[in-house]
Amino acid sequence: MTTQVNGLENACARDHKTIDDQSSPKFMKAQQSQRLKREVNQFLKAYPDLTQFEVLVTDICGHYFGKRYPIDKLASFAAEGLAMPASMFTLSTLGEPLDGLYYGIDDGDPDAHFYLVPGSLCLNDWGREARAQVVATTCDGDQPSWFEPRYVLQKVVDAYAARHWRPMVAFELEFYLFAAQRDADDLLQIVRNPKTGRKDTATVLSSARIGDFETVIDDIIHACEMQNIDTGAISAELGPGQFEINFNHHADVLRAADETCLFKRIVVEIAKKHGMGASFIAKPLLAFAGNGLHMHISVVDDQGKNIFAGPRKGHARLYHAIGGLLATMPAAMSFWAPNINSYRRYRGGTSCAPVSLTWGNENRTVAFRIPHAKEGAWRVENRVPGADANPYLAMAVTLAGMLHGIQNKLDPGEATDQAVVGRDESLPLDMRTALARTLDSVELSDIMGREFIELYCRHRAAETTAFENHINAREYDWYL
């Protein structure tokens, strides 16, 4: 099954290539339609017993919404697209409307037109029966939803393309496995080792831990293969039940973000299948490490040459890009840490989460790290975001900061060679302060769009208010 799906993806990748004189929007749209038609036809022939498929779209919170349809609708959706409410992008983490947002309340809740994303059609088999699934977007239409995260990332990628540059990116995601049931206080319980029955221990880079959890990890990797996601290194991390699975570098930034969202869904669903829970929450346990979303980024030109590479060290553009990341870091925090729990990762217990305006070579305690450039592969690693960040928006704001630095030739200052353990007081380390810095950012507004920046800040502020308007048991314990 995996071989068939991967073969289909490779064929689609070949079909997607164009030549320079065939790059008009009209031609590209027609070619994409033909590609989808072939892809669907091949897929249905390969899997004639499927009865259902799922359409998946990512909202501002980084969660999927969509619908499940009979398989006989797939061909028509590939040809014509489908309609769903545009307001779905702006719902809260719980899937509820937020006060103070116009969309879905005062606008009559109109539909947006969605298109299936070529190359995203694949299988999942963790349910009662195998189903097809496909990612959808408004990006391919004449009037895309300007608040769709995928569209925001596309705008930033287009800003690079206007300079004949293309980002090359890779995501690294940490996650926790937990016991399926919470304790008597409704708190998470550390997962038990499947082979020993004992609670897992926090032994970093332990090969034994990977072996003990191999049935879960192997199923995650198998699901990734079915969904055409190329995975790399697997490691046991600093927390009990915490693991990291890396992805390979990707020339298609949007596809890389698609895969990261799909991976989150895979981990959660496979954990359920094994009687466990899984979470990408930034700081699930105060006494242990949080979950990070590290991003590795290089940029190539039209000839495929890395614009960050120099004869003996990184090109000046690499350091200018880091200068831009440092300059926009305070405004970017609300994207890299998008909810109240996110900021616990920067404060509580064991943490490798950098909260300083720093950069360095081969230094994992700084915000922006230059890894060893094997064979001239110069790149920058952003180590600040949490795994709860929306991958599209976290990458968009990172690329925007880098482009700002390159355009303005910003100096990042001296590299930090020593371990950084303190917090930089100039950084916003709570949700409301972070949103205020984002709202004031001219640099991010110029690249990502002022309209989106304002909506995003209203959205996250409204959810913060909704979260705070709740009395928990500790208030009674302390103040009753």
Protein backbone atom coordinates (compact mmCIF):
# COMPACT_ATOMS: atom_id res chain seq x y z
CA MET A 1 0.00 0.00 0.00
CA THR A 2 2.76 2.46 0.94
CA THR A 3 4.66 1.82 -2.28
CA GLN A 4 1.59 2.55 -4.35
CA VAL A 5 0.92 5.85 -2.59
CA ASN A 6 4.55 6.97 -2.80
CA GLY A 7 4.62 6.06 -6.48
CA LEU A 8 1.53 8.14 -7.05
CA GLU A 9 3.11 11.10 -5.26
CA ASN A 10 6.29 10.81 -7.35
CA ALA A 11 4.24 10.75 -10.53
CA CYS A 12 2.32 13.81 -9.39
CA ALA A 13 5.57 15.59 -8.57
CA ARG A 14 6.76 15.00 -12.15
CA ASP A 15 3.47 16.25 -13.55
CA HIS A 16 3.76 19.48 -11.56
CA LYS A 17 6.92 20.70 -13.31
CA THR A 18 6.51 23.64 -15.69
CA ILE A 19 8.77 25.61 -17.96
CA ASP A 20 9.23 29.37 -17.80
CA ASP A 21 6.94 30.24 -20.72
CA GLN A 22 4.10 28.25 -19.17
CA SER A 23 3.93 30.02 -15.82
CA SER A 24 0.86 32.21 -16.27
CA PRO A 25 -1.84 31.87 -13.57
CA LYS A 26 -4.36 30.61 -16.13
CA PHE A 27 -2.01 27.92 -17.42
CA MET A 28 -1.00 26.90 -13.91
CA LYS A 29 -4.65 26.63 -12.86
CA ALA A 30 -5.49 24.42 -15.83
CA GLN A 31 -2.44 22.26 -15.26
CA GLN A 32 -3.31 21.87 -11.59
CA SER A 33 -6.84 20.80 -12.48
CA GLN A 34 -5.49 18.17 -14.85
CA ARG A 35 -3.03 16.97 -12.27
CA LEU A 36 -5.77 16.57 -9.66
CA LYS A 37 -7.94 14.68 -12.13
CA ARG A 38 -5.15 12.21 -12.91
CA GLU A 39 -4.26 11.89 -9.24
CA VAL A 40 -7.84 11.09 -8.22
CA ASN A 41 -8.34 8.62 -11.05
CA GLN A 42 -5.14 6.73 -10.18
CA PHE A 43 -5.97 6.78 -6.50
CA LEU A 44 -9.49 5.40 -6.93
CA LYS A 45 -8.19 2.64 -9.20
CA ALA A 46 -5.53 1.73 -6.64
CA TYR A 47 -8.04 1.63 -3.75
CA PRO A 48 -11.43 0.59 -5.16
CA ASP A 49 -12.81 -0.53 -1.78
CA LEU A 50 -12.71 2.89 -0.09
CA THR A 51 -16.11 4.28 0.84
CA GLN A 52 -15.26 7.66 2.42
CA PHE A 53 -12.79 10.53 2.33
CA GLU A 54 -12.06 13.47 4.61
CA VAL A 55 -11.38 17.09 3.65
CA LEU A 56 -8.93 18.85 6.02
CA VAL A 57 -8.33 22.61 6.40
CA THR A 58 -6.17 24.34 9.02
CA ASP A 59 -7.56 27.26 11.05
CA ILE A 60 -5.77 30.12 12.83
CA CYS A 61 -5.24 27.95 15.94
CA GLY A 62 -3.49 25.32 13.80
CA HIS A 63 -6.32 22.79 14.14
CA TYR A 64 -8.16 20.96 11.39
CA PHE A 65 -11.75 21.53 10.41
CA GLY A 66 -13.55 19.82 7.54
CA LYS A 67 -16.05 17.14 6.64
CA ARG A 68 -16.26 13.46 5.78
CA TYR A 69 -17.85 12.62 2.43
CA PRO A 70 -18.82 9.56 0.36
CA ILE A 71 -15.98 8.60 -1.95
CA ASP A 72 -18.07 9.28 -5.07
CA LYS A 73 -17.81 13.03 -4.34
CA LEU A 74 -14.01 13.03 -4.64
CA ALA A 75 -13.79 13.44 -8.42
CA SER A 76 -16.24 16.34 -8.56
CA PHE A 77 -14.49 18.12 -5.67
CA ALA A 78 -11.19 17.74 -7.49
CA ALA A 79 -12.72 19.32 -10.59
CA GLU A 80 -14.88 22.01 -9.01
CA GLY A 81 -13.86 22.45 -5.38
CA LEU A 82 -16.32 22.72 -2.51
CA ALA A 83 -17.84 25.30 -0.18
CA MET A 84 -17.52 25.64 3.59
CA PRO A 85 -18.03 28.63 5.93
CA ALA A 86 -15.11 31.07 5.80
CA SER A 87 -15.61 31.80 9.50
CA MET A 88 -14.26 28.35 10.38
CA PHE A 89 -10.75 29.82 10.15
CA THR A 90 -11.51 32.19 13.02
CA LEU A 91 -13.04 29.87 15.62
CA SER A 92 -11.41 29.35 19.00
CA THR A 93 -9.29 26.39 20.09
CA LEU A 94 -12.54 24.75 21.22
CA GLY A 95 -14.20 25.42 17.87
CA GLU A 96 -16.44 28.18 19.23
CA PRO A 97 -17.12 31.72 17.93
CA LEU A 98 -15.13 34.42 19.72
CA ASP A 99 -16.61 37.69 20.94
CA GLY A 100 -15.55 40.79 19.05
CA LEU A 101 -14.87 39.06 15.73
CA TYR A 102 -17.02 40.06 12.77
CA TYR A 103 -16.67 36.83 10.84
CA GLY A 104 -19.37 34.20 11.25
CA ILE A 105 -21.49 36.47 13.44
CA ASP A 106 -22.16 39.86 11.85
CA ASP A 107 -21.40 38.95 8.23
CA GLY A 108 -24.11 36.31 7.81
CA ASP A 109 -21.53 33.51 7.81
CA PRO A 110 -20.91 33.23 4.04
CA ASP A 111 -19.13 30.31 2.42
CA ALA A 112 -15.62 30.37 0.98
CA HIS A 113 -14.65 28.26 -1.99
CA PHE A 114 -12.08 25.59 -1.26
CA TYR A 115 -9.85 23.67 -3.65
CA LEU A 116 -8.14 20.32 -3.08
CA VAL A 117 -4.36 20.56 -2.79
CA PRO A 118 -2.52 18.45 -5.39
CA GLY A 119 -0.27 15.81 -3.87
CA SER A 120 -2.15 15.72 -0.55
CA LEU A 121 -4.52 12.85 -1.37
CA CYS A 122 -3.56 9.85 0.76
CA LEU A 123 -4.84 7.21 3.21
CA ASN A 124 -5.27 6.90 6.93
CA ASP A 125 -6.01 3.51 8.53
CA TRP A 126 -6.34 4.22 12.26
CA GLY A 127 -10.15 4.16 12.27
CA ARG A 128 -12.66 1.36 11.92
CA GLU A 129 -11.88 1.28 8.21
CA ALA A 130 -9.29 2.87 5.92
CA ARG A 131 -10.27 6.26 4.52
CA ALA A 132 -8.88 8.72 2.04
CA GLN A 133 -8.00 12.23 3.18
CA VAL A 134 -7.06 15.38 1.31
CA VAL A 135 -5.98 18.90 2.29
CA ALA A 136 -8.02 21.83 0.98
CA THR A 137 -7.26 25.54 0.68
CA THR A 138 -8.75 28.77 -0.64
CA CYS A 139 -5.34 29.85 -1.97
CA ASP A 140 -5.90 28.68 -5.53
CA GLY A 141 -8.99 30.82 -6.10
CA ASP A 142 -9.32 34.37 -7.42
CA GLN A 143 -10.44 35.55 -3.98
CA PRO A 144 -8.66 33.50 -1.31
CA SER A 145 -9.56 34.01 2.32
CA TRP A 146 -6.93 36.51 3.45
CA PHE A 147 -7.11 35.12 6.99
CA GLU A 148 -6.34 31.54 5.97
CA PRO A 149 -2.96 30.61 7.54
CA ARG A 150 -1.90 28.78 4.39
CA TYR A 151 -2.54 31.93 2.35
CA VAL A 152 -0.54 34.08 4.78
CA LEU A 153 2.44 31.75 4.39
CA GLN A 154 1.98 31.79 0.61
CA LYS A 155 2.20 35.61 0.63
CA VAL A 156 5.55 35.51 2.43
CA VAL A 157 6.89 32.80 0.09
CA ASP A 158 5.77 34.97 -2.85
CA ALA A 159 7.80 37.87 -1.41
CA TYR A 160 10.89 35.65 -1.68
CA ALA A 161 9.91 34.49 -5.17
CA ALA A 162 9.73 38.13 -6.31
CA ARG A 163 13.47 38.25 -5.59
CA HIS A 164 14.03 34.91 -7.37
CA TRP A 165 14.64 33.15 -4.05
CA ARG A 166 13.08 30.01 -2.60
CA PRO A 167 13.23 29.01 1.08
CA MET A 168 14.26 25.45 1.94
CA VAL A 169 12.81 24.42 5.30
CA ALA A 170 12.59 21.58 7.79
CA PHE A 171 10.47 21.27 10.93
CA GLU A 172 11.35 19.40 14.14
CA LEU A 173 8.51 18.61 16.52
CA GLU A 174 8.56 17.36 20.11
CA PHE A 175 5.51 15.69 21.68
CA TYR A 176 4.44 13.84 24.81
CA LEU A 177 2.71 10.51 25.16
CA PHE A 178 0.51 10.27 28.27
CA ALA A 179 -1.73 7.76 29.97
CA ALA A 180 -5.16 7.82 28.37
CA GLN A 181 -6.92 8.52 31.68
CA ARG A 182 -6.29 11.57 33.85
CA ASP A 183 -5.83 11.38 37.60
CA ALA A 184 -8.38 12.18 40.33
CA ASP A 185 -7.66 15.91 39.95
CA ASP A 186 -8.19 15.68 36.17
CA LEU A 187 -4.46 16.17 35.53
CA LEU A 188 -2.27 14.31 33.06
CA GLN A 189 -0.58 11.12 34.13
CA ILE A 190 2.86 9.99 32.93
CA VAL A 191 2.58 7.22 30.39
CA ARG A 192 3.58 3.69 31.36
CA ASN A 193 6.26 1.84 29.45
CA PRO A 194 4.43 -0.63 27.14
CA LYS A 195 6.97 -3.40 27.81
CA THR A 196 7.68 -2.98 31.55
CA GLY A 197 4.41 -1.48 32.79
CA ARG A 198 6.38 1.08 34.81
CA LYS A 199 6.05 4.83 34.45
CA ASP A 200 8.37 6.15 31.79
CA THR A 201 11.51 7.97 32.91
CA ALA A 202 13.13 11.07 31.46
CA THR A 203 16.28 9.57 29.91
CA VAL A 204 17.32 11.73 26.96
CA LEU A 205 18.49 10.00 23.75
CA SER A 206 17.78 6.62 25.29
CA SER A 207 17.72 3.88 22.66
CA ALA A 208 15.99 1.63 25.19
CA ARG A 209 13.07 4.05 25.47
CA ILE A 210 12.64 4.12 21.71
CA GLY A 211 12.71 0.33 21.68
CA ASP A 212 10.18 0.06 24.51
CA PHE A 213 7.74 2.37 22.70
CA GLU A 214 8.49 0.91 19.26
CA THR A 215 4.97 -0.34 18.56
CA VAL A 216 3.61 3.22 18.86
CA ILE A 217 6.55 4.86 17.11
CA ASP A 218 6.57 2.33 14.28
CA ASP A 219 2.85 2.89 13.70
CA ILE A 220 3.46 6.66 13.59
CA ILE A 221 6.20 6.19 11.00
CA HIS A 222 3.99 3.82 8.99
CA ALA A 223 1.16 6.39 8.98
CA CYS A 224 3.64 9.04 7.83
CA GLU A 225 4.72 6.81 4.96
CA MET A 226 1.09 6.32 3.93
CA GLN A 227 0.68 10.10 3.86
CA ASN A 228 3.90 10.68 1.90
CA ILE A 229 5.69 12.36 4.81
CA ASP A 230 9.43 11.73 4.82
CA THR A 231 10.67 11.37 8.38
CA GLY A 232 14.22 11.47 9.69
CA ALA A 233 15.79 10.95 13.09
CA ILE A 234 13.74 9.62 16.03
CA SER A 235 14.87 10.51 19.54
CA ALA A 236 13.77 10.13 23.14
CA GLU A 237 13.67 13.57 24.72
CA LEU A 238 14.09 15.18 28.16
CA GLY A 239 10.61 14.43 29.50
CA PRO A 240 8.97 11.13 30.47
CA GLY A 241 6.98 10.01 27.45
CA GLN A 242 8.53 12.76 25.33
CA PHE A 243 9.85 12.05 21.83
CA GLU A 244 10.92 13.89 18.71
CA ILE A 245 10.60 12.81 15.09
CA ASN A 246 12.29 15.02 12.50
CA PHE A 247 11.30 15.77 8.92
CA ASN A 248 13.64 16.13 5.97
CA HIS A 249 14.34 19.48 4.30
CA HIS A 250 11.64 20.52 1.86
CA ALA A 251 11.75 22.82 -1.17
CA ASP A 252 7.96 23.31 -0.98
CA VAL A 253 7.37 25.44 2.12
CA LEU A 254 3.59 25.03 2.08
CA ARG A 255 3.89 21.26 1.74
CA ALA A 256 6.32 21.23 4.67
CA ALA A 257 3.76 23.05 6.83
CA ASP A 258 1.01 20.71 5.55
CA GLU A 259 3.07 17.72 6.64
CA THR A 260 3.68 19.18 10.09
CA CYS A 261 -0.06 19.60 10.68
CA LEU A 262 -0.75 16.14 9.30
CA PHE A 263 1.95 14.73 11.57
CA LYS A 264 0.29 16.21 14.65
CA ARG A 265 -2.95 14.50 13.70
CA ILE A 266 -1.15 11.22 13.05
CA VAL A 267 0.52 11.20 16.48
CA VAL A 268 -2.73 11.94 18.33
CA GLU A 269 -4.71 9.30 16.43
CA ILE A 270 -2.04 6.59 16.66
CA ALA A 271 -1.70 7.21 20.40
CA LYS A 272 -5.45 6.65 20.79
CA LYS A 273 -5.11 3.39 18.86
CA HIS A 274 -2.56 2.22 21.45
CA GLY A 275 -4.63 3.29 24.46
CA MET A 276 -2.56 6.41 25.13
CA GLY A 277 -2.95 10.15 24.87
CA ALA A 278 -0.63 12.47 22.95
CA SER A 279 -0.10 16.21 23.13
CA PHE A 280 1.90 18.99 21.50
CA ILE A 281 1.03 21.42 24.29
CA ALA A 282 4.02 23.69 24.97
CA LYS A 283 4.42 22.93 28.70
CA PRO A 284 2.33 19.96 29.84
CA LEU A 285 4.41 19.28 32.98
CA LEU A 286 6.11 22.12 34.86
CA ALA A 287 8.86 19.87 36.22
CA PHE A 288 9.91 18.63 32.78
CA ALA A 289 10.93 20.03 29.41
CA GLY A 290 8.38 21.63 27.15
CA ASN A 291 7.57 20.75 23.55
CA GLY A 292 9.43 22.79 20.95
CA LEU A 293 8.91 23.42 17.25
CA HIS A 294 12.37 24.01 15.78
CA MET A 295 12.65 25.26 12.22
CA HIS A 296 15.71 25.00 9.95
CA ILE A 297 15.77 27.44 7.04
CA SER A 298 18.07 28.11 4.12
CA VAL A 299 17.34 30.04 0.92
CA VAL A 300 18.32 29.16 -2.65
CA ASP A 301 18.30 31.23 -5.84
CA ASP A 302 17.03 30.36 -9.33
CA GLN A 303 20.12 28.23 -9.97
CA GLY A 304 19.65 26.29 -6.73
CA LYS A 305 22.60 28.01 -5.03
CA ASN A 306 22.37 28.59 -1.29
CA ILE A 307 22.39 32.39 -0.86
CA PHE A 308 23.67 31.95 2.73
CA ALA A 309 26.82 30.12 1.63
CA GLY A 310 30.19 31.88 1.51
CA PRO A 311 33.67 30.67 0.53
CA ARG A 312 34.81 29.96 4.10
CA LYS A 313 31.89 31.01 6.29
CA GLY A 314 28.31 32.06 5.92
CA HIS A 315 27.48 34.84 3.46
CA ALA A 316 26.58 38.26 4.88
CA ARG A 317 22.94 37.53 3.98
CA LEU A 318 22.86 34.78 6.62
CA TYR A 319 23.84 37.21 9.36
CA HIS A 320 21.48 39.88 8.03
CA ALA A 321 18.67 37.30 8.18
CA ILE A 322 19.53 36.63 11.82
CA GLY A 323 19.59 40.37 12.42
CA GLY A 324 16.04 40.51 11.08
CA LEU A 325 14.95 37.64 13.32
CA LEU A 326 16.36 39.43 16.36
CA ALA A 327 14.72 42.72 15.36
CA THR A 328 11.29 41.15 14.89
CA MET A 329 11.49 38.57 17.71
CA PRO A 330 9.43 40.58 20.25
CA ALA A 331 6.64 41.04 17.68
CA ALA A 332 6.87 37.39 16.55
CA MET A 333 6.42 35.92 20.04
CA SER A 334 2.61 35.83 19.82
CA PHE A 335 2.91 33.54 16.78
CA TRP A 336 5.61 31.33 18.28
CA ALA A 337 3.80 31.19 21.64
CA PRO A 338 0.10 31.56 20.76
CA ASN A 339 -1.69 30.81 24.05
CA ILE A 340 -1.40 31.18 27.81
CA ASN A 341 0.26 27.79 28.35
CA SER A 342 2.89 28.61 25.71
CA TYR A 343 4.64 31.04 28.05
CA ARG A 344 5.05 28.43 30.78
CA ARG A 345 7.60 26.78 28.51
CA TYR A 346 9.81 29.85 28.91
CA ARG A 347 9.55 29.93 32.70
CA GLY A 348 8.84 26.69 34.52
CA GLY A 349 11.18 23.85 35.48
CA THR A 350 13.60 22.15 33.11
CA SER A 351 13.66 24.02 29.83
CA CYS A 352 15.74 24.35 26.70
CA ALA A 353 13.48 27.10 25.40
CA PRO A 354 15.56 30.23 24.65
CA VAL A 355 14.04 33.56 25.67
CA SER A 356 16.91 35.89 24.92
CA LEU A 357 17.80 38.10 21.98
CA THR A 358 20.79 35.94 21.09
CA TRP A 359 22.34 33.96 18.26
CA GLY A 360 25.34 31.71 18.00
CA ASN A 361 27.17 28.93 16.20
CA GLU A 362 26.42 25.41 17.42
CA ASN A 363 24.84 26.79 20.62
CA ARG A 364 21.50 25.25 21.60
CA THR A 365 20.80 27.81 24.33
CA VAL A 366 20.44 30.77 21.95
CA ALA A 367 17.31 31.81 20.08
CA PHE A 368 18.78 31.50 16.59
CA ARG A 369 21.46 28.91 15.99
CA ILE A 370 23.75 28.33 13.02
CA PRO A 371 24.29 24.54 12.90
CA HIS A 372 27.46 23.05 11.51
CA ALA A 373 27.33 23.66 7.76
CA LYS A 374 28.26 20.28 6.33
CA GLU A 375 29.21 20.61 2.66
CA GLY A 376 28.26 24.30 2.65
CA ALA A 377 24.67 23.73 3.83
CA TRP A 378 24.44 27.05 5.65
CA ARG A 379 21.15 27.61 7.42
CA VAL A 380 19.60 29.15 10.51
CA GLU A 381 17.62 27.27 13.16
CA ASN A 382 14.83 29.06 15.00
CA ARG A 383 14.63 27.38 18.44
CA VAL A 384 12.05 29.69 20.03
CA PRO A 385 8.57 28.42 18.91
CA GLY A 386 6.58 25.89 20.87
CA ALA A 387 5.03 22.78 19.33
CA ASP A 388 1.60 24.31 19.92
CA ALA A 389 2.30 27.05 17.35
CA ASN A 390 0.47 27.04 14.03
CA PRO A 391 3.19 25.75 11.62
CA TYR A 392 2.03 28.00 8.75
CA LEU A 393 2.08 31.16 10.85
CA ALA A 394 5.21 30.27 12.83
CA MET A 395 7.08 29.76 9.55
CA ALA A 396 5.51 32.83 7.91
CA VAL A 397 6.62 35.18 10.69
CA THR A 398 10.10 33.60 10.75
CA LEU A 399 10.57 34.03 7.01
CA ALA A 400 9.18 37.56 7.23
CA GLY A 401 11.73 38.48 9.89
CA MET A 402 14.58 37.00 7.85
CA LEU A 403 13.52 38.86 4.72
CA HIS A 404 13.28 42.11 6.68
CA GLY A 405 16.85 41.61 7.87
CA ILE A 406 18.22 40.77 4.42
CA GLN A 407 16.49 43.73 2.77
CA ASN A 408 17.77 46.18 5.39
CA LYS A 409 21.18 44.52 5.95
CA LEU A 410 20.64 44.34 9.70
CA ASP A 411 23.63 43.56 11.90
CA PRO A 412 22.91 40.81 14.46
CA GLY A 413 25.77 41.83 16.72
CA GLU A 414 28.24 39.43 18.27
CA ALA A 415 27.58 35.70 18.45
CA THR A 416 26.98 34.19 21.88
CA ASP A 417 29.44 31.40 22.64
CA GLN A 418 28.45 30.65 26.25
CA ALA A 419 25.27 29.03 27.59
CA VAL A 420 22.39 31.46 28.03
CA VAL A 421 20.24 30.74 31.07
CA GLY A 422 18.51 34.06 31.80
CA ARG A 423 15.50 35.72 30.25
CA ASP A 424 15.67 38.94 28.29
CA GLU A 425 13.38 41.40 30.04
CA SER A 426 12.71 43.24 26.78
CA LEU A 427 10.88 40.21 25.40
CA PRO A 428 7.14 39.87 25.99
CA LEU A 429 6.59 36.75 28.09
CA ASP A 430 2.82 36.82 28.49
CA MET A 431 0.06 36.63 25.90
CA ARG A 432 -1.33 40.15 26.13
CA THR A 433 2.05 41.90 26.08
CA ALA A 434 3.12 39.76 23.15
CA LEU A 435 0.01 40.69 21.19
CA ALA A 436 0.61 44.38 21.85
CA ARG A 437 4.11 44.05 20.37
CA THR A 438 2.72 42.19 17.34
CA LEU A 439 0.08 44.85 16.74
CA ASP A 440 2.72 47.59 16.79
CA SER A 441 5.00 45.85 14.27
CA VAL A 442 5.29 47.70 10.97
CA GLU A 443 7.82 45.15 9.71
CA LEU A 444 5.48 42.16 10.05
CA SER A 445 2.49 44.12 8.76
CA ASP A 446 4.38 45.12 5.61
CA ILE A 447 5.08 41.50 4.66
CA MET A 448 2.19 39.51 6.19
CA GLY A 449 -0.51 42.16 5.70
CA ARG A 450 -1.85 44.71 8.17
CA GLU A 451 -5.39 43.37 7.93
CA PHE A 452 -4.29 39.88 8.98
CA ILE A 453 -2.08 41.14 11.82
CA GLU A 454 -5.02 43.06 13.30
CA LEU A 455 -7.41 40.11 12.97
CA TYR A 456 -4.88 37.69 14.48
CA CYS A 457 -4.34 39.94 17.50
CA ARG A 458 -8.10 40.34 18.04
CA HIS A 459 -8.52 36.58 17.71
CA ARG A 460 -5.86 35.64 20.24
CA ALA A 461 -6.91 38.40 22.66
CA ALA A 462 -10.53 37.24 22.52
CA GLU A 463 -9.54 33.64 23.25
CA THR A 464 -7.33 34.79 26.13
CA THR A 465 -10.28 36.65 27.61
CA ALA A 466 -12.53 33.61 27.17
CA PHE A 467 -9.93 31.44 28.92
CA GLU A 468 -9.57 33.87 31.81
CA ASN A 469 -13.33 34.12 32.32
CA HIS A 470 -13.38 30.83 34.19
CA ILE A 471 -12.99 30.05 37.89
CA ASN A 472 -10.86 27.00 38.60
CA ALA A 473 -10.59 24.93 41.78
CA ARG A 474 -7.40 26.64 42.95
CA GLU A 475 -9.22 29.96 43.35
CA TYR A 476 -11.56 28.27 45.85
CA ASP A 477 -8.65 26.49 47.54
CA TRP A 478 -6.72 29.71 48.01
CA TYR A 479 -9.29 32.47 48.38
CA LEU A 480 -12.64 31.04 49.47
